[in-house]
Amino acid sequence: QVQLVESGGGLVQAGGSLRLSCAASGRTFTRYNMAWFRQAPGKEREFVATIGISGGYKYYADSMKGRFTISRDNAKNTGYLQMNSLRPEDTAIYYCATSDRVGSTARDYLYWGQGTQVTVSS
């Protein structure tokens, strides 16, 4: 079992930045790939980015490339999502998830956090 707790969400103006954190506890964080997803009201959960166990492999959804950066610090059992040039359409609840698989769909991930709200005002 892995417990994940997201933090760092909030209200920001368009063009601003936020850094989300995902603190892991329980089973060894370094055994798992990590991803970020988001879900806006009335929409399906959407893949944002994923990072491999060592941090060398990273993959982003096309709409996030160049604006979002995923990273992890295994010594701190924490993952991050740096979000720059935020847009109103980035407004959503952001979730981190871990898995021993690599993928870009929600069903690829076994453990999930409770989410953190990001709101971008125009």
N, C-alpha and C. Protein backbone atom coordinates (compact mmCIF):
# COMPACT_ATOMS: atom_id res chain seq x y z
N GLN A 1 0.84 -1.18 0.00
CA GLN A 1 0.00 0.00 0.00
C GLN A 1 0.88 1.25 0.00
N VAL A 2 0.52 2.21 -0.83
CA VAL A 2 1.21 3.50 -0.87
C VAL A 2 0.18 4.58 -0.58
N GLN A 3 0.49 5.44 0.33
CA GLN A 3 -0.37 6.59 0.61
C GLN A 3 0.23 7.82 -0.05
N LEU A 4 -0.60 8.56 -0.75
CA LEU A 4 -0.16 9.75 -1.48
C LEU A 4 -0.95 10.96 -1.02
N VAL A 5 -0.25 12.06 -0.78
CA VAL A 5 -0.91 13.29 -0.36
C VAL A 5 -0.40 14.43 -1.21
N GLU A 6 -1.30 15.03 -1.97
CA GLU A 6 -0.95 16.18 -2.81
C GLU A 6 -1.09 17.48 -2.02
N SER A 7 -0.30 18.46 -2.43
CA SER A 7 -0.40 19.79 -1.86
C SER A 7 0.11 20.80 -2.88
N GLY A 8 -0.13 22.07 -2.60
CA GLY A 8 0.40 23.12 -3.46
C GLY A 8 -0.61 23.76 -4.39
N GLY A 9 -1.82 23.23 -4.40
CA GLY A 9 -2.84 23.83 -5.25
C GLY A 9 -3.28 25.18 -4.71
N GLY A 10 -4.09 25.87 -5.51
CA GLY A 10 -4.58 27.16 -5.08
C GLY A 10 -5.15 27.96 -6.23
N LEU A 11 -5.34 29.25 -5.97
CA LEU A 11 -5.88 30.16 -6.97
C LEU A 11 -4.74 31.00 -7.54
N VAL A 12 -4.65 31.06 -8.85
CA VAL A 12 -3.59 31.82 -9.50
C VAL A 12 -4.17 32.50 -10.74
N GLN A 13 -3.60 33.63 -11.11
CA GLN A 13 -4.04 34.31 -12.32
C GLN A 13 -3.44 33.64 -13.55
N ALA A 14 -4.11 33.81 -14.65
CA ALA A 14 -3.60 33.28 -15.92
C ALA A 14 -2.19 33.82 -16.16
N GLY A 15 -1.33 32.93 -16.62
CA GLY A 15 0.07 33.28 -16.84
C GLY A 15 0.96 33.01 -15.64
N GLY A 16 0.35 32.71 -14.52
CA GLY A 16 1.10 32.44 -13.30
C GLY A 16 1.61 31.01 -13.22
N SER A 17 2.20 30.70 -12.07
CA SER A 17 2.81 29.38 -11.85
C SER A 17 2.39 28.81 -10.51
N LEU A 18 2.40 27.49 -10.46
CA LEU A 18 2.21 26.76 -9.22
C LEU A 18 3.11 25.53 -9.24
N ARG A 19 3.50 25.08 -8.06
CA ARG A 19 4.25 23.84 -7.93
C ARG A 19 3.49 22.91 -7.01
N LEU A 20 3.07 21.80 -7.56
CA LEU A 20 2.36 20.79 -6.79
C LEU A 20 3.35 19.78 -6.24
N SER A 21 3.05 19.27 -5.06
CA SER A 21 3.86 18.22 -4.46
C SER A 21 3.01 17.00 -4.19
N CYS A 22 3.65 15.85 -4.20
CA CYS A 22 2.97 14.59 -3.90
C CYS A 22 3.87 13.82 -2.94
N ALA A 23 3.48 13.79 -1.67
CA ALA A 23 4.26 13.11 -0.65
C ALA A 23 3.77 11.67 -0.51
N ALA A 24 4.71 10.73 -0.56
CA ALA A 24 4.37 9.32 -0.51
C ALA A 24 4.83 8.68 0.79
N SER A 25 4.06 7.76 1.28
CA SER A 25 4.44 6.97 2.45
C SER A 25 3.93 5.55 2.25
N GLY A 26 4.40 4.65 3.09
CA GLY A 26 4.01 3.26 2.95
C GLY A 26 5.09 2.50 2.21
N ARG A 27 4.68 1.75 1.22
CA ARG A 27 5.66 0.99 0.45
C ARG A 27 6.65 1.92 -0.23
N THR A 28 7.81 1.40 -0.53
CA THR A 28 8.91 2.20 -1.03
C THR A 28 8.53 2.94 -2.30
N PHE A 29 8.56 4.24 -2.21
CA PHE A 29 8.22 5.13 -3.33
C PHE A 29 9.09 4.84 -4.54
N THR A 30 10.33 4.48 -4.29
CA THR A 30 11.28 4.31 -5.39
C THR A 30 11.01 3.07 -6.22
N ARG A 31 10.04 2.26 -5.82
CA ARG A 31 9.68 1.09 -6.61
C ARG A 31 8.68 1.43 -7.71
N TYR A 32 8.15 2.64 -7.69
CA TYR A 32 7.01 2.95 -8.54
C TYR A 32 7.26 4.13 -9.48
N ASN A 33 6.69 4.00 -10.67
CA ASN A 33 6.55 5.15 -11.53
C ASN A 33 5.48 6.06 -10.94
N MET A 34 5.53 7.33 -11.29
CA MET A 34 4.57 8.29 -10.75
C MET A 34 3.97 9.11 -11.88
N ALA A 35 2.74 9.51 -11.71
CA ALA A 35 2.08 10.32 -12.73
C ALA A 35 1.20 11.38 -12.09
N TRP A 36 0.87 12.36 -12.89
CA TRP A 36 -0.13 13.36 -12.51
C TRP A 36 -1.28 13.28 -13.51
N PHE A 37 -2.47 13.36 -12.98
CA PHE A 37 -3.69 13.44 -13.76
C PHE A 37 -4.47 14.66 -13.27
N ARG A 38 -5.46 15.06 -14.03
CA ARG A 38 -6.33 16.13 -13.59
C ARG A 38 -7.75 15.86 -14.04
N GLN A 39 -8.69 16.44 -13.31
CA GLN A 39 -10.10 16.26 -13.65
C GLN A 39 -10.84 17.57 -13.42
N ALA A 40 -11.39 18.10 -14.49
CA ALA A 40 -12.20 19.31 -14.43
C ALA A 40 -13.66 18.92 -14.23
N PRO A 41 -14.48 19.82 -13.70
CA PRO A 41 -15.89 19.50 -13.48
C PRO A 41 -16.58 19.04 -14.76
N GLY A 42 -17.27 17.92 -14.67
CA GLY A 42 -18.01 17.41 -15.81
C GLY A 42 -17.17 16.74 -16.87
N LYS A 43 -15.88 16.59 -16.61
CA LYS A 43 -14.99 15.97 -17.60
C LYS A 43 -14.34 14.72 -17.02
N GLU A 44 -13.82 13.89 -17.91
CA GLU A 44 -13.12 12.68 -17.48
C GLU A 44 -11.73 13.05 -16.96
N ARG A 45 -11.20 12.13 -16.16
CA ARG A 45 -9.84 12.33 -15.66
C ARG A 45 -8.87 12.30 -16.83
N GLU A 46 -7.94 13.25 -16.84
CA GLU A 46 -7.05 13.47 -17.98
C GLU A 46 -5.59 13.30 -17.56
N PHE A 47 -4.84 12.59 -18.37
CA PHE A 47 -3.42 12.39 -18.13
C PHE A 47 -2.67 13.71 -18.31
N VAL A 48 -1.72 13.96 -17.40
CA VAL A 48 -0.88 15.16 -17.49
C VAL A 48 0.55 14.80 -17.82
N ALA A 49 1.17 13.95 -16.99
CA ALA A 49 2.58 13.60 -17.18
C ALA A 49 2.91 12.38 -16.32
N THR A 50 3.97 11.68 -16.72
CA THR A 50 4.45 10.56 -15.93
C THR A 50 5.97 10.59 -15.88
N ILE A 51 6.52 10.00 -14.83
CA ILE A 51 7.97 9.95 -14.65
C ILE A 51 8.36 8.57 -14.16
N GLY A 52 9.49 8.08 -14.67
CA GLY A 52 9.95 6.76 -14.30
C GLY A 52 10.57 6.74 -12.91
N ILE A 53 10.96 5.54 -12.49
CA ILE A 53 11.45 5.33 -11.14
C ILE A 53 12.67 6.18 -10.83
N SER A 54 13.61 6.24 -11.76
CA SER A 54 14.84 6.99 -11.52
C SER A 54 14.72 8.46 -11.88
N GLY A 55 13.63 8.82 -12.56
CA GLY A 55 13.45 10.19 -13.00
C GLY A 55 13.97 10.46 -14.40
N GLY A 56 14.61 9.46 -15.01
CA GLY A 56 15.17 9.67 -16.34
C GLY A 56 14.13 9.66 -17.44
N TYR A 57 13.06 8.90 -17.25
CA TYR A 57 12.00 8.83 -18.24
C TYR A 57 10.87 9.78 -17.85
N LYS A 58 10.47 10.63 -18.80
CA LYS A 58 9.36 11.54 -18.59
C LYS A 58 8.52 11.58 -19.86
N TYR A 59 7.22 11.66 -19.66
CA TYR A 59 6.32 11.72 -20.80
C TYR A 59 5.18 12.65 -20.44
N TYR A 60 4.83 13.54 -21.39
CA TYR A 60 3.82 14.56 -21.13
C TYR A 60 2.68 14.46 -22.14
N ALA A 61 1.51 14.85 -21.70
CA ALA A 61 0.41 15.07 -22.64
C ALA A 61 0.79 16.26 -23.52
N ASP A 62 0.36 16.24 -24.74
CA ASP A 62 0.77 17.27 -25.71
C ASP A 62 0.46 18.68 -25.22
N SER A 63 -0.68 18.87 -24.61
CA SER A 63 -1.08 20.22 -24.21
C SER A 63 -0.28 20.76 -23.03
N MET A 64 0.48 19.88 -22.36
CA MET A 64 1.29 20.30 -21.20
C MET A 64 2.76 20.49 -21.55
N LYS A 65 3.17 19.99 -22.71
CA LYS A 65 4.59 20.07 -23.07
C LYS A 65 5.04 21.52 -23.13
N GLY A 66 6.19 21.78 -22.53
CA GLY A 66 6.75 23.12 -22.54
C GLY A 66 6.23 24.03 -21.44
N ARG A 67 5.13 23.64 -20.80
CA ARG A 67 4.59 24.45 -19.71
C ARG A 67 4.71 23.76 -18.36
N PHE A 68 4.56 22.44 -18.35
CA PHE A 68 4.61 21.67 -17.11
C PHE A 68 5.89 20.84 -17.06
N THR A 69 6.42 20.67 -15.87
CA THR A 69 7.61 19.84 -15.67
C THR A 69 7.37 18.90 -14.49
N ILE A 70 7.50 17.59 -14.77
CA ILE A 70 7.36 16.60 -13.71
C ILE A 70 8.74 16.23 -13.19
N SER A 71 8.84 16.01 -11.89
CA SER A 71 10.11 15.62 -11.30
C SER A 71 9.83 14.82 -10.03
N ARG A 72 10.89 14.25 -9.46
CA ARG A 72 10.74 13.51 -8.23
C ARG A 72 12.04 13.57 -7.45
N ASP A 73 11.91 13.47 -6.13
CA ASP A 73 13.06 13.41 -5.24
C ASP A 73 12.87 12.15 -4.41
N ASN A 74 13.54 11.08 -4.80
CA ASN A 74 13.34 9.80 -4.13
C ASN A 74 13.84 9.82 -2.69
N ALA A 75 14.82 10.66 -2.41
CA ALA A 75 15.31 10.76 -1.03
C ALA A 75 14.24 11.32 -0.11
N LYS A 76 13.35 12.12 -0.67
CA LYS A 76 12.28 12.74 0.12
C LYS A 76 10.94 12.05 -0.09
N ASN A 77 10.92 10.99 -0.91
CA ASN A 77 9.67 10.29 -1.23
C ASN A 77 8.60 11.27 -1.73
N THR A 78 9.00 12.16 -2.58
CA THR A 78 8.10 13.22 -3.04
C THR A 78 8.23 13.42 -4.54
N GLY A 79 7.08 13.61 -5.17
CA GLY A 79 7.04 13.97 -6.57
C GLY A 79 6.52 15.38 -6.72
N TYR A 80 6.80 15.97 -7.88
CA TYR A 80 6.44 17.37 -8.09
C TYR A 80 5.86 17.57 -9.49
N LEU A 81 5.08 18.64 -9.61
CA LEU A 81 4.62 19.09 -10.91
C LEU A 81 4.72 20.61 -10.92
N GLN A 82 5.69 21.11 -11.66
CA GLN A 82 5.85 22.56 -11.82
C GLN A 82 5.00 22.99 -13.01
N MET A 83 4.10 23.92 -12.76
CA MET A 83 3.18 24.37 -13.80
C MET A 83 3.40 25.84 -14.05
N ASN A 84 3.78 26.18 -15.28
CA ASN A 84 4.02 27.56 -15.68
C ASN A 84 3.03 27.98 -16.76
N SER A 85 2.93 29.26 -16.99
CA SER A 85 2.05 29.80 -18.04
C SER A 85 0.65 29.21 -17.93
N LEU A 86 0.12 29.23 -16.74
CA LEU A 86 -1.18 28.59 -16.51
C LEU A 86 -2.30 29.32 -17.24
N ARG A 87 -3.28 28.53 -17.67
CA ARG A 87 -4.42 29.03 -18.42
C ARG A 87 -5.70 28.69 -17.66
N PRO A 88 -6.75 29.42 -17.90
CA PRO A 88 -8.02 29.08 -17.23
C PRO A 88 -8.45 27.63 -17.48
N GLU A 89 -8.14 27.10 -18.64
CA GLU A 89 -8.52 25.72 -18.95
C GLU A 89 -7.70 24.69 -18.18
N ASP A 90 -6.69 25.14 -17.45
CA ASP A 90 -5.93 24.23 -16.58
C ASP A 90 -6.63 24.02 -15.23
N THR A 91 -7.72 24.76 -15.01
CA THR A 91 -8.46 24.62 -13.77
C THR A 91 -9.00 23.20 -13.63
N ALA A 92 -8.66 22.55 -12.51
CA ALA A 92 -9.06 21.16 -12.29
C ALA A 92 -8.57 20.72 -10.92
N ILE A 93 -9.00 19.55 -10.51
CA ILE A 93 -8.39 18.87 -9.37
C ILE A 93 -7.24 18.03 -9.94
N TYR A 94 -6.08 18.19 -9.35
CA TYR A 94 -4.89 17.48 -9.81
C TYR A 94 -4.58 16.34 -8.84
N TYR A 95 -4.38 15.16 -9.41
CA TYR A 95 -4.12 13.96 -8.64
C TYR A 95 -2.75 13.38 -8.99
N CYS A 96 -2.05 12.87 -8.00
CA CYS A 96 -0.86 12.07 -8.29
C CYS A 96 -1.22 10.59 -8.10
N ALA A 97 -0.48 9.76 -8.80
CA ALA A 97 -0.74 8.33 -8.77
C ALA A 97 0.56 7.58 -9.00
N THR A 98 0.63 6.36 -8.49
CA THR A 98 1.83 5.56 -8.69
C THR A 98 1.46 4.17 -9.18
N SER A 99 2.42 3.55 -9.84
CA SER A 99 2.20 2.22 -10.39
C SER A 99 3.54 1.58 -10.70
N ASP A 100 3.54 0.26 -10.76
CA ASP A 100 4.74 -0.42 -11.24
C ASP A 100 4.71 -0.56 -12.76
N ARG A 101 3.66 -0.02 -13.39
CA ARG A 101 3.56 -0.01 -14.83
C ARG A 101 3.80 1.41 -15.33
N VAL A 102 4.13 1.53 -16.60
CA VAL A 102 4.26 2.83 -17.24
C VAL A 102 3.08 3.00 -18.17
N GLY A 103 2.37 4.10 -18.04
CA GLY A 103 1.23 4.31 -18.90
C GLY A 103 0.68 5.71 -18.79
N SER A 104 -0.29 6.02 -19.64
CA SER A 104 -0.90 7.34 -19.67
C SER A 104 -2.40 7.28 -19.50
N THR A 105 -2.89 6.17 -18.99
CA THR A 105 -4.32 6.08 -18.67
C THR A 105 -4.49 5.80 -17.19
N ALA A 106 -5.63 6.20 -16.66
CA ALA A 106 -5.87 6.06 -15.23
C ALA A 106 -5.83 4.60 -14.78
N ARG A 107 -6.26 3.70 -15.65
CA ARG A 107 -6.29 2.29 -15.25
C ARG A 107 -4.89 1.70 -15.10
N ASP A 108 -3.87 2.40 -15.57
CA ASP A 108 -2.50 1.92 -15.41
C ASP A 108 -1.98 2.13 -13.99
N TYR A 109 -2.68 2.94 -13.18
CA TYR A 109 -2.17 3.35 -11.88
C TYR A 109 -2.98 2.76 -10.75
N LEU A 110 -2.27 2.30 -9.74
CA LEU A 110 -2.89 1.55 -8.66
C LEU A 110 -3.22 2.43 -7.45
N TYR A 111 -2.30 3.31 -7.09
CA TYR A 111 -2.48 4.13 -5.88
C TYR A 111 -2.70 5.58 -6.27
N TRP A 112 -3.63 6.23 -5.58
CA TRP A 112 -4.02 7.60 -5.89
C TRP A 112 -4.08 8.46 -4.64
N GLY A 113 -3.76 9.73 -4.81
CA GLY A 113 -3.97 10.69 -3.74
C GLY A 113 -5.38 11.23 -3.79
N GLN A 114 -5.68 12.15 -2.88
CA GLN A 114 -7.04 12.69 -2.77
C GLN A 114 -7.25 13.90 -3.67
N GLY A 115 -6.17 14.43 -4.22
CA GLY A 115 -6.26 15.54 -5.15
C GLY A 115 -6.07 16.90 -4.50
N THR A 116 -5.66 17.85 -5.31
CA THR A 116 -5.52 19.24 -4.86
C THR A 116 -6.10 20.14 -5.94
N GLN A 117 -6.88 21.13 -5.52
CA GLN A 117 -7.58 21.99 -6.46
C GLN A 117 -6.66 23.08 -7.00
N VAL A 118 -6.67 23.22 -8.31
CA VAL A 118 -5.97 24.32 -8.98
C VAL A 118 -7.02 25.14 -9.73
N THR A 119 -7.06 26.42 -9.46
CA THR A 119 -8.00 27.32 -10.12
C THR A 119 -7.21 28.46 -10.75
N VAL A 120 -7.41 28.64 -12.05
CA VAL A 120 -6.72 29.68 -12.79
C VAL A 120 -7.75 30.71 -13.25
N SER A 121 -7.59 31.93 -12.80
CA SER A 121 -8.55 32.98 -13.16
C SER A 121 -8.05 33.73 -14.38
N SER A 122 -9.01 34.22 -15.16
CA SER A 122 -8.65 34.95 -16.39
C SER A 122 -8.48 36.43 -16.12
